[in-house]
């Protein structure tokens, strides 16, 4: 079963920030980052329970090639992506951001 995939608006901002940073480092690297992000999100919609719960019922899926993680929840037949965060970020800060976004 493939779940419906939904992104919070803040996730677009997360993706654009990552894209901009990588694109400044090397032409085309930002595009590769976005491709990896969307591929990861689509694969997650097919098997969302495969990835661990890391904070309450938020799950985390690591991106390939880039040190980023996708944070999401399963709600019925929908996967809701709450964040795309760099893995070097403080875990408490990530948890706080996820809770803030949950309340928006």
PDB file of N, CA and C in Angstrom:
ATOM      1  N   UNK A   1       0.836  -1.187   0.000  1.00  0.00           N
ATOM      2  CA  UNK A   1       0.000   0.000   0.000  1.00  0.00           C
ATOM      3  C   UNK A   1       0.879   1.248   0.000  1.00  0.00           C
ATOM      4  N   UNK A   2       0.580   2.173  -0.864  1.00  0.00           N
ATOM      5  CA  UNK A   2       1.284   3.451  -0.875  1.00  0.00           C
ATOM      6  C   UNK A   2       0.417   4.487  -0.167  1.00  0.00           C
ATOM      7  N   UNK A   3       1.004   5.168   0.770  1.00  0.00           N
ATOM      8  CA  UNK A   3       0.319   6.206   1.526  1.00  0.00           C
ATOM      9  C   UNK A   3       0.337   7.514   0.737  1.00  0.00           C
ATOM     10  N   UNK A   4      -0.661   8.349   0.978  1.00  0.00           N
ATOM     11  CA  UNK A   4      -0.645   9.701   0.411  1.00  0.00           C
ATOM     12  C   UNK A   4       0.490  10.464   1.098  1.00  0.00           C
ATOM     13  N   UNK A   5       1.132  11.349   0.373  1.00  0.00           N
ATOM     14  CA  UNK A   5       2.286  12.089   0.886  1.00  0.00           C
ATOM     15  C   UNK A   5       1.931  13.565   0.950  1.00  0.00           C
ATOM     16  N   UNK A   6       2.144  14.158   2.136  1.00  0.00           N
ATOM     17  CA  UNK A   6       1.856  15.581   2.312  1.00  0.00           C
ATOM     18  C   UNK A   6       3.025  16.234   3.036  1.00  0.00           C
ATOM     19  N   UNK A   7       3.396  17.426   2.592  1.00  0.00           N
ATOM     20  CA  UNK A   7       4.485  18.189   3.200  1.00  0.00           C
ATOM     21  C   UNK A   7       3.918  19.424   3.884  1.00  0.00           C
ATOM     22  N   UNK A   8       4.382  19.704   5.101  1.00  0.00           N
ATOM     23  CA  UNK A   8       4.048  20.986   5.709  1.00  0.00           C
ATOM     24  C   UNK A   8       4.768  22.082   4.927  1.00  0.00           C
ATOM     25  N   UNK A   9       4.230  23.304   4.918  1.00  0.00           N
ATOM     26  CA  UNK A   9       4.883  24.389   4.163  1.00  0.00           C
ATOM     27  C   UNK A   9       6.333  24.641   4.582  1.00  0.00           C
ATOM     28  N   UNK A  10       6.648  24.427   5.852  1.00  0.00           N
ATOM     29  CA  UNK A  10       8.012  24.660   6.342  1.00  0.00           C
ATOM     30  C   UNK A  10       9.027  23.715   5.700  1.00  0.00           C
ATOM     31  N   UNK A  11       8.573  22.568   5.260  1.00  0.00           N
ATOM     32  CA  UNK A  11       9.483  21.596   4.641  1.00  0.00           C
ATOM     33  C   UNK A  11      10.028  22.156   3.329  1.00  0.00           C
ATOM     34  N   UNK A  12       9.205  22.898   2.612  1.00  0.00           N
ATOM     35  CA  UNK A  12       9.677  23.537   1.378  1.00  0.00           C
ATOM     36  C   UNK A  12      10.813  24.505   1.701  1.00  0.00           C
ATOM     37  N   UNK A  13      10.669  25.250   2.793  1.00  0.00           N
ATOM     38  CA  UNK A  13      11.732  26.170   3.209  1.00  0.00           C
ATOM     39  C   UNK A  13      13.003  25.404   3.568  1.00  0.00           C
ATOM     40  N   UNK A  14      12.847  24.270   4.266  1.00  0.00           N
ATOM     41  CA  UNK A  14      14.002  23.429   4.611  1.00  0.00           C
ATOM     42  C   UNK A  14      14.715  22.957   3.342  1.00  0.00           C
ATOM     43  N   UNK A  15      13.943  22.492   2.368  1.00  0.00           N
ATOM     44  CA  UNK A  15      14.509  21.966   1.116  1.00  0.00           C
ATOM     45  C   UNK A  15      15.206  23.071   0.325  1.00  0.00           C
ATOM     46  N   UNK A  16      14.599  24.243   0.271  1.00  0.00           N
ATOM     47  CA  UNK A  16      15.195  25.369  -0.463  1.00  0.00           C
ATOM     48  C   UNK A  16      16.507  25.804   0.193  1.00  0.00           C
ATOM     49  N   UNK A  17      16.543  25.809   1.526  1.00  0.00           N
ATOM     50  CA  UNK A  17      17.776  26.182   2.229  1.00  0.00           C
ATOM     51  C   UNK A  17      18.889  25.174   1.911  1.00  0.00           C
ATOM     52  N   UNK A  18      18.574  23.885   1.933  1.00  0.00           N
ATOM     53  CA  UNK A  18      19.564  22.865   1.589  1.00  0.00           C
ATOM     54  C   UNK A  18      20.007  22.987   0.147  1.00  0.00           C
ATOM     55  N   UNK A  19      19.056  23.190  -0.743  1.00  0.00           N
ATOM     56  CA  UNK A  19      19.358  23.362  -2.167  1.00  0.00           C
ATOM     57  C   UNK A  19      20.328  24.535  -2.353  1.00  0.00           C
ATOM     58  N   UNK A  20      20.013  25.670  -1.751  1.00  0.00           N
ATOM     59  CA  UNK A  20      20.844  26.874  -1.918  1.00  0.00           C
ATOM     60  C   UNK A  20      22.262  26.645  -1.419  1.00  0.00           C
ATOM     61  N   UNK A  21      22.381  26.004  -0.257  1.00  0.00           N
ATOM     62  CA  UNK A  21      23.702  25.761   0.305  1.00  0.00           C
ATOM     63  C   UNK A  21      24.529  24.867  -0.621  1.00  0.00           C
ATOM     64  N   UNK A  22      23.944  23.761  -1.081  1.00  0.00           N
ATOM     65  CA  UNK A  22      24.683  22.837  -1.948  1.00  0.00           C
ATOM     66  C   UNK A  22      24.960  23.439  -3.320  1.00  0.00           C
ATOM     67  N   UNK A  23      24.052  24.231  -3.825  1.00  0.00           N
ATOM     68  CA  UNK A  23      24.246  24.835  -5.147  1.00  0.00           C
ATOM     69  C   UNK A  23      25.393  25.846  -5.103  1.00  0.00           C
ATOM     70  N   UNK A  24      25.574  26.525  -3.966  1.00  0.00           N
ATOM     71  CA  UNK A  24      26.705  27.448  -3.810  1.00  0.00           C
ATOM     72  C   UNK A  24      28.026  26.698  -3.783  1.00  0.00           C
ATOM     73  N   UNK A  25      28.010  25.486  -3.271  1.00  0.00           N
ATOM     74  CA  UNK A  25      29.232  24.688  -3.201  1.00  0.00           C
ATOM     75  C   UNK A  25      29.649  24.155  -4.564  1.00  0.00           C
ATOM     76  N   UNK A  26      28.665  23.758  -5.376  1.00  0.00           N
ATOM     77  CA  UNK A  26      28.973  23.193  -6.688  1.00  0.00           C
ATOM     78  C   UNK A  26      27.724  23.215  -7.566  1.00  0.00           C
ATOM     79  N   UNK A  27      27.870  23.745  -8.776  1.00  0.00           N
ATOM     80  CA  UNK A  27      26.732  23.780  -9.699  1.00  0.00           C
ATOM     81  C   UNK A  27      26.156  22.388  -9.891  1.00  0.00           C
ATOM     82  N   UNK A  28      24.847  22.286  -9.734  1.00  0.00           N
ATOM     83  CA  UNK A  28      24.164  21.014  -9.933  1.00  0.00           C
ATOM     84  C   UNK A  28      24.015  20.184  -8.674  1.00  0.00           C
ATOM     85  N   UNK A  29      24.806  20.471  -7.637  1.00  0.00           N
ATOM     86  CA  UNK A  29      24.725  19.689  -6.404  1.00  0.00           C
ATOM     87  C   UNK A  29      23.406  19.951  -5.674  1.00  0.00           C
ATOM     88  N   UNK A  30      22.921  21.170  -5.756  1.00  0.00           N
ATOM     89  CA  UNK A  30      21.622  21.490  -5.162  1.00  0.00           C
ATOM     90  C   UNK A  30      20.502  20.712  -5.828  1.00  0.00           C
ATOM     91  N   UNK A  31      20.588  20.579  -7.160  1.00  0.00           N
ATOM     92  CA  UNK A  31      19.589  19.794  -7.895  1.00  0.00           C
ATOM     93  C   UNK A  31      19.632  18.332  -7.456  1.00  0.00           C
ATOM     94  N   UNK A  32      20.835  17.804  -7.276  1.00  0.00           N
ATOM     95  CA  UNK A  32      20.983  16.420  -6.817  1.00  0.00           C
ATOM     96  C   UNK A  32      20.399  16.250  -5.419  1.00  0.00           C
ATOM     97  N   UNK A  33      20.597  17.241  -4.561  1.00  0.00           N
ATOM     98  CA  UNK A  33      20.020  17.226  -3.214  1.00  0.00           C
ATOM     99  C   UNK A  33      18.494  17.142  -3.285  1.00  0.00           C
ATOM    100  N   UNK A  34      17.883  17.977  -4.118  1.00  0.00           N
ATOM    101  CA  UNK A  34      16.421  17.946  -4.254  1.00  0.00           C
ATOM    102  C   UNK A  34      15.931  16.613  -4.810  1.00  0.00           C
ATOM    103  N   UNK A  35      16.628  16.075  -5.800  1.00  0.00           N
ATOM    104  CA  UNK A  35      16.247  14.765  -6.351  1.00  0.00           C
ATOM    105  C   UNK A  35      16.286  13.692  -5.267  1.00  0.00           C
ATOM    106  N   UNK A  36      17.322  13.719  -4.467  1.00  0.00           N
ATOM    107  CA  UNK A  36      17.462  12.733  -3.395  1.00  0.00           C
ATOM    108  C   UNK A  36      16.353  12.921  -2.353  1.00  0.00           C
ATOM    109  N   UNK A  37      16.038  14.154  -2.036  1.00  0.00           N
ATOM    110  CA  UNK A  37      14.978  14.446  -1.073  1.00  0.00           C
ATOM    111  C   UNK A  37      13.630  13.906  -1.549  1.00  0.00           C
ATOM    112  N   UNK A  38      13.267  14.218  -2.790  1.00  0.00           N
ATOM    113  CA  UNK A  38      11.970  13.766  -3.302  1.00  0.00           C
ATOM    114  C   UNK A  38      11.929  12.251  -3.506  1.00  0.00           C
ATOM    115  N   UNK A  39      13.024  11.655  -3.909  1.00  0.00           N
ATOM    116  CA  UNK A  39      13.079  10.195  -4.048  1.00  0.00           C
ATOM    117  C   UNK A  39      12.888   9.538  -2.681  1.00  0.00           C
ATOM    118  N   UNK A  40      13.550  10.074  -1.680  1.00  0.00           N
ATOM    119  CA  UNK A  40      13.446   9.560  -0.319  1.00  0.00           C
ATOM    120  C   UNK A  40      12.007   9.678   0.186  1.00  0.00           C
ATOM    121  N   UNK A  41      11.391  10.833  -0.035  1.00  0.00           N
ATOM    122  CA  UNK A  41      10.012  11.043   0.413  1.00  0.00           C
ATOM    123  C   UNK A  41       9.059  10.070  -0.269  1.00  0.00           C
ATOM    124  N   UNK A  42       9.220   9.882  -1.560  1.00  0.00           N
ATOM    125  CA  UNK A  42       8.343   8.967  -2.290  1.00  0.00           C
ATOM    126  C   UNK A  42       8.537   7.516  -1.851  1.00  0.00           C
ATOM    127  N   UNK A  43       9.772   7.113  -1.611  1.00  0.00           N
ATOM    128  CA  UNK A  43      10.027   5.757  -1.119  1.00  0.00           C
ATOM    129  C   UNK A  43       9.429   5.576   0.282  1.00  0.00           C
ATOM    130  N   UNK A  44       9.508   6.598   1.087  1.00  0.00           N
ATOM    131  CA  UNK A  44       8.968   6.546   2.443  1.00  0.00           C
ATOM    132  C   UNK A  44       7.452   6.360   2.416  1.00  0.00           C
ATOM    133  N   UNK A  45       6.785   6.959   1.446  1.00  0.00           N
ATOM    134  CA  UNK A  45       5.330   6.812   1.332  1.00  0.00           C
ATOM    135  C   UNK A  45       4.931   5.364   1.032  1.00  0.00           C
ATOM    136  N   UNK A  46       5.844   4.604   0.448  1.00  0.00           N
ATOM    137  CA  UNK A  46       5.550   3.194   0.153  1.00  0.00           C
ATOM    138  C   UNK A  46       5.759   2.291   1.368  1.00  0.00           C
ATOM    139  N   UNK A  47       6.740   2.624   2.202  1.00  0.00           N
ATOM    140  CA  UNK A  47       7.049   1.772   3.370  1.00  0.00           C
ATOM    141  C   UNK A  47       7.336   2.634   4.610  1.00  0.00           C
ATOM    142  N   UNK A  48       6.387   3.418   5.070  1.00  0.00           N
ATOM    143  CA  UNK A  48       6.671   4.369   6.152  1.00  0.00           C
ATOM    144  C   UNK A  48       6.965   3.730   7.508  1.00  0.00           C
ATOM    145  N   UNK A  49       6.458   2.556   7.754  1.00  0.00           N
ATOM    146  CA  UNK A  49       6.677   1.912   9.057  1.00  0.00           C
ATOM    147  C   UNK A  49       8.052   1.260   9.162  1.00  0.00           C
ATOM    148  N   UNK A  50       8.792   1.267   8.081  1.00  0.00           N
ATOM    149  CA  UNK A  50      10.129   0.673   8.051  1.00  0.00           C
ATOM    150  C   UNK A  50      11.135   1.487   8.865  1.00  0.00           C
ATOM    151  N   UNK A  51      10.859   2.762   9.067  1.00  0.00           N
ATOM    152  CA  UNK A  51      11.823   3.657   9.705  1.00  0.00           C
ATOM    153  C   UNK A  51      11.425   3.910  11.153  1.00  0.00           C
ATOM    154  N   UNK A  52      12.419   4.118  12.027  1.00  0.00           N
ATOM    155  CA  UNK A  52      12.151   4.157  13.472  1.00  0.00           C
ATOM    156  C   UNK A  52      11.470   5.441  13.950  1.00  0.00           C
ATOM    157  N   UNK A  53      10.706   5.262  15.018  1.00  0.00           N
ATOM    158  CA  UNK A  53      10.188   6.418  15.740  1.00  0.00           C
ATOM    159  C   UNK A  53      11.342   6.950  16.584  1.00  0.00           C
ATOM    160  N   UNK A  54      11.565   8.256  16.513  1.00  0.00           N
ATOM    161  CA  UNK A  54      12.698   8.828  17.235  1.00  0.00           C
ATOM    162  C   UNK A  54      12.276   9.837  18.294  1.00  0.00           C
ATOM    163  N   UNK A  55      11.081  10.379  18.142  1.00  0.00           N
ATOM    164  CA  UNK A  55      10.587  11.352  19.114  1.00  0.00           C
ATOM    165  C   UNK A  55       9.073  11.287  19.089  1.00  0.00           C
ATOM    166  N   UNK A  56       8.502  10.808  20.175  1.00  0.00           N
ATOM    167  CA  UNK A  56       7.065  10.535  20.230  1.00  0.00           C
ATOM    168  C   UNK A  56       6.701   9.667  19.024  1.00  0.00           C
ATOM    169  N   UNK A  57       5.795  10.121  18.191  1.00  0.00           N
ATOM    170  CA  UNK A  57       5.435   9.309  17.020  1.00  0.00           C
ATOM    171  C   UNK A  57       6.032   9.866  15.728  1.00  0.00           C
ATOM    172  N   UNK A  58       7.036  10.722  15.855  1.00  0.00           N
ATOM    173  CA  UNK A  58       7.768  11.187  14.677  1.00  0.00           C
ATOM    174  C   UNK A  58       8.767  10.106  14.278  1.00  0.00           C
ATOM    175  N   UNK A  59       8.841   9.841  13.002  1.00  0.00           N
ATOM    176  CA  UNK A  59       9.799   8.873  12.465  1.00  0.00           C
ATOM    177  C   UNK A  59      10.875   9.620  11.677  1.00  0.00           C
ATOM    178  N   UNK A  60      12.013   8.953  11.515  1.00  0.00           N
ATOM    179  CA  UNK A  60      13.136   9.588  10.803  1.00  0.00           C
ATOM    180  C   UNK A  60      13.637   8.660   9.710  1.00  0.00           C
ATOM    181  N   UNK A  61      13.859   9.265   8.547  1.00  0.00           N
ATOM    182  CA  UNK A  61      14.450   8.552   7.415  1.00  0.00           C
ATOM    183  C   UNK A  61      15.650   9.357   6.949  1.00  0.00           C
ATOM    184  N   UNK A  62      16.817   8.730   6.912  1.00  0.00           N
ATOM    185  CA  UNK A  62      18.037   9.397   6.467  1.00  0.00           C
ATOM    186  C   UNK A  62      18.080   9.438   4.944  1.00  0.00           C
ATOM    187  N   UNK A  63      18.540  10.570   4.404  1.00  0.00           N
ATOM    188  CA  UNK A  63      18.728  10.682   2.961  1.00  0.00           C
ATOM    189  C   UNK A  63      20.019   9.975   2.571  1.00  0.00           C
ATOM    190  N   UNK A  64      20.040   9.451   1.376  1.00  0.00           N
ATOM    191  CA  UNK A  64      21.285   8.907   0.843  1.00  0.00           C
ATOM    192  C   UNK A  64      22.165  10.067   0.375  1.00  0.00           C
ATOM    193  N   UNK A  65      23.426   9.924   0.549  1.00  0.00           N
ATOM    194  CA  UNK A  65      24.457  10.825   0.037  1.00  0.00           C
ATOM    195  C   UNK A  65      24.563  12.163   0.761  1.00  0.00           C
ATOM    196  N   UNK A  66      23.506  12.633   1.367  1.00  0.00           N
ATOM    197  CA  UNK A  66      23.518  13.934   2.040  1.00  0.00           C
ATOM    198  C   UNK A  66      23.208  13.734   3.525  1.00  0.00           C
ATOM    199  N   UNK A  67      23.849  14.527   4.393  1.00  0.00           N
ATOM    200  CA  UNK A  67      23.645  14.349   5.838  1.00  0.00           C
ATOM    201  C   UNK A  67      22.365  15.030   6.342  1.00  0.00           C
ATOM    202  N   UNK A  68      21.257  14.638   5.773  1.00  0.00           N
ATOM    203  CA  UNK A  68      19.944  15.179   6.139  1.00  0.00           C
ATOM    204  C   UNK A  68      19.006  14.047   6.493  1.00  0.00           C
ATOM    205  N   UNK A  69      17.981  14.373   7.274  1.00  0.00           N
ATOM    206  CA  UNK A  69      16.963  13.389   7.640  1.00  0.00           C
ATOM    207  C   UNK A  69      15.584  13.998   7.448  1.00  0.00           C
ATOM    208  N   UNK A  70      14.692  13.150   7.026  1.00  0.00           N
ATOM    209  CA  UNK A  70      13.290  13.480   6.824  1.00  0.00           C
ATOM    210  C   UNK A  70      12.546  13.059   8.089  1.00  0.00           C
ATOM    211  N   UNK A  71      11.753  13.942   8.657  1.00  0.00           N
ATOM    212  CA  UNK A  71      10.967  13.625   9.848  1.00  0.00           C
ATOM    213  C   UNK A  71       9.497  13.658   9.470  1.00  0.00           C
ATOM    214  N   UNK A  72       8.785  12.597   9.829  1.00  0.00           N
ATOM    215  CA  UNK A  72       7.394  12.471   9.387  1.00  0.00           C
ATOM    216  C   UNK A  72       6.567  11.704  10.402  1.00  0.00           C
ATOM    217  N   UNK A  73       5.260  11.771  10.190  1.00  0.00           N
ATOM    218  CA  UNK A  73       4.300  11.001  10.970  1.00  0.00           C
ATOM    219  C   UNK A  73       3.383  10.258  10.015  1.00  0.00           C
ATOM    220  N   UNK A  74       2.856   9.162  10.501  1.00  0.00           N
ATOM    221  CA  UNK A  74       1.841   8.415   9.760  1.00  0.00           C
ATOM    222  C   UNK A  74       0.499   8.763  10.393  1.00  0.00           C
ATOM    223  N   UNK A  75      -0.422   9.254   9.577  1.00  0.00           N
ATOM    224  CA  UNK A  75      -1.756   9.622  10.059  1.00  0.00           C
ATOM    225  C   UNK A  75      -2.780   8.946   9.154  1.00  0.00           C
ATOM    226  N   UNK A  76      -3.329   7.849   9.629  1.00  0.00           N
ATOM    227  CA  UNK A  76      -4.269   7.091   8.803  1.00  0.00           C
ATOM    228  C   UNK A  76      -3.555   6.538   7.588  1.00  0.00           C
ATOM    229  N   UNK A  77      -3.987   6.961   6.409  1.00  0.00           N
ATOM    230  CA  UNK A  77      -3.373   6.499   5.163  1.00  0.00           C
ATOM    231  C   UNK A  77      -2.510   7.586   4.529  1.00  0.00           C
ATOM    232  N   UNK A  78      -1.991   8.459   5.379  1.00  0.00           N
ATOM    233  CA  UNK A  78      -1.201   9.594   4.904  1.00  0.00           C
ATOM    234  C   UNK A  78       0.124   9.667   5.652  1.00  0.00           C
ATOM    235  N   UNK A  79       1.178   9.999   4.928  1.00  0.00           N
ATOM    236  CA  UNK A  79       2.477  10.303   5.515  1.00  0.00           C
ATOM    237  C   UNK A  79       2.623  11.819   5.455  1.00  0.00           C
ATOM    238  N   UNK A  80       2.786  12.435   6.627  1.00  0.00           N
ATOM    239  CA  UNK A  80       2.928  13.889   6.708  1.00  0.00           C
ATOM    240  C   UNK A  80       4.368  14.201   7.069  1.00  0.00           C
ATOM    241  N   UNK A  81       5.061  14.905   6.178  1.00  0.00           N
ATOM    242  CA  UNK A  81       6.458  15.270   6.405  1.00  0.00           C
ATOM    243  C   UNK A  81       6.483  16.604   7.145  1.00  0.00           C
ATOM    244  N   UNK A  82       7.133  16.598   8.316  1.00  0.00           N
ATOM    245  CA  UNK A  82       7.193  17.776   9.167  1.00  0.00           C
ATOM    246  C   UNK A  82       8.508  18.530   9.043  1.00  0.00           C
ATOM    247  N   UNK A  83       9.566  17.860   8.598  1.00  0.00           N
ATOM    248  CA  UNK A  83      10.839  18.553   8.533  1.00  0.00           C
ATOM    249  C   UNK A  83      11.890  17.807   7.738  1.00  0.00           C
ATOM    250  N   UNK A  84      12.842  18.577   7.254  1.00  0.00           N
ATOM    251  CA  UNK A  84      14.032  18.083   6.577  1.00  0.00           C
ATOM    252  C   UNK A  84      15.193  18.813   7.242  1.00  0.00           C
ATOM    253  N   UNK A  85      15.912  18.107   8.127  1.00  0.00           N
ATOM    254  CA  UNK A  85      16.930  18.758   8.945  1.00  0.00           C
ATOM    255  C   UNK A  85      18.300  18.131   8.740  1.00  0.00           C
ATOM    256  N   UNK A  86      19.327  18.965   8.834  1.00  0.00           N
ATOM    257  CA  UNK A  86      20.708  18.503   8.766  1.00  0.00           C
ATOM    258  C   UNK A  86      20.982  17.645   9.999  1.00  0.00           C
ATOM    259  N   UNK A  87      21.702  16.567   9.822  1.00  0.00           N
ATOM    260  CA  UNK A  87      21.961  15.613  10.904  1.00  0.00           C
ATOM    261  C   UNK A  87      22.889  16.161  11.989  1.00  0.00           C
ATOM    262  N   UNK A  88      23.628  17.221  11.712  1.00  0.00           N
ATOM    263  CA  UNK A  88      24.512  17.796  12.716  1.00  0.00           C
ATOM    264  C   UNK A  88      23.762  18.735  13.668  1.00  0.00           C
ATOM    265  N   UNK A  89      22.508  18.957  13.378  1.00  0.00           N
ATOM    266  CA  UNK A  89      21.709  19.846  14.208  1.00  0.00           C
ATOM    267  C   UNK A  89      21.453  19.211  15.574  1.00  0.00           C
ATOM    268  N   UNK A  90      21.333  20.033  16.594  1.00  0.00           N
ATOM    269  CA  UNK A  90      21.080  19.578  17.954  1.00  0.00           C
ATOM    270  C   UNK A  90      19.761  18.801  18.013  1.00  0.00           C
ATOM    271  N   UNK A  91      19.767  17.571  18.512  1.00  0.00           N
ATOM    272  CA  UNK A  91      18.540  16.767  18.579  1.00  0.00           C
ATOM    273  C   UNK A  91      17.413  17.438  19.361  1.00  0.00           C
ATOM    274  N   UNK A  92      17.761  18.164  20.420  1.00  0.00           N
ATOM    275  CA  UNK A  92      16.728  18.866  21.183  1.00  0.00           C
ATOM    276  C   UNK A  92      16.114  19.988  20.353  1.00  0.00           C
ATOM    277  N   UNK A  93      16.928  20.635  19.535  1.00  0.00           N
ATOM    278  CA  UNK A  93      16.420  21.683  18.646  1.00  0.00           C
ATOM    279  C   UNK A  93      15.496  21.109  17.585  1.00  0.00           C
ATOM    280  N   UNK A  94      15.835  19.935  17.074  1.00  0.00           N
ATOM    281  CA  UNK A  94      14.976  19.270  16.085  1.00  0.00           C
ATOM    282  C   UNK A  94      13.640  18.921  16.737  1.00  0.00           C
ATOM    283  N   UNK A  95      13.695  18.326  17.921  1.00  0.00           N
ATOM    284  CA  UNK A  95      12.462  17.945  18.626  1.00  0.00           C
ATOM    285  C   UNK A  95      11.590  19.166  18.871  1.00  0.00           C
ATOM    286  N   UNK A  96      12.204  20.264  19.274  1.00  0.00           N
ATOM    287  CA  UNK A  96      11.461  21.506  19.522  1.00  0.00           C
ATOM    288  C   UNK A  96      10.818  22.029  18.235  1.00  0.00           C
ATOM    289  N   UNK A  97      11.574  22.008  17.143  1.00  0.00           N
ATOM    290  CA  UNK A  97      11.044  22.462  15.844  1.00  0.00           C
ATOM    291  C   UNK A  97       9.869  21.592  15.395  1.00  0.00           C
ATOM    292  N   UNK A  98       9.990  20.282  15.582  1.00  0.00           N
ATOM    293  CA  UNK A  98       8.908  19.387  15.193  1.00  0.00           C
ATOM    294  C   UNK A  98       7.644  19.678  16.008  1.00  0.00           C
ATOM    295  N   UNK A  99       7.796  19.884  17.306  1.00  0.00           N
ATOM    296  CA  UNK A  99       6.627  20.195  18.137  1.00  0.00           C
ATOM    297  C   UNK A  99       6.015  21.536  17.750  1.00  0.00           C
ATOM    298  N   UNK A 100       6.857  22.521  17.455  1.00  0.00           N
ATOM    299  CA  UNK A 100       6.347  23.831  17.015  1.00  0.00           C
ATOM    300  C   UNK A 100       5.553  23.688  15.718  1.00  0.00           C
ATOM    301  N   UNK A 101       6.071  22.915  14.798  1.00  0.00           N
ATOM    302  CA  UNK A 101       5.399  22.737  13.504  1.00  0.00           C
ATOM    303  C   UNK A 101       4.103  21.943  13.665  1.00  0.00           C
ATOM    304  N   UNK A 102       4.085  21.062  14.616  1.00  0.00           N
ATOM    305  CA  UNK A 102       2.896  20.256  14.871  1.00  0.00           C
ATOM    306  C   UNK A 102       1.739  21.145  15.318  1.00  0.00           C
ATOM    307  N   UNK A 103       2.056  22.197  16.054  1.00  0.00           N
ATOM    308  CA  UNK A 103       1.030  23.063  16.612  1.00  0.00           C
ATOM    309  C   UNK A 103       0.571  24.141  15.640  1.00  0.00           C
ATOM    310  N   UNK A 104       1.283  24.307  14.535  1.00  0.00           N
ATOM    311  CA  UNK A 104       0.936  25.362  13.562  1.00  0.00           C
ATOM    312  C   UNK A 104      -0.339  25.032  12.841  1.00  0.00           C
TER     313      UNK A 104
END
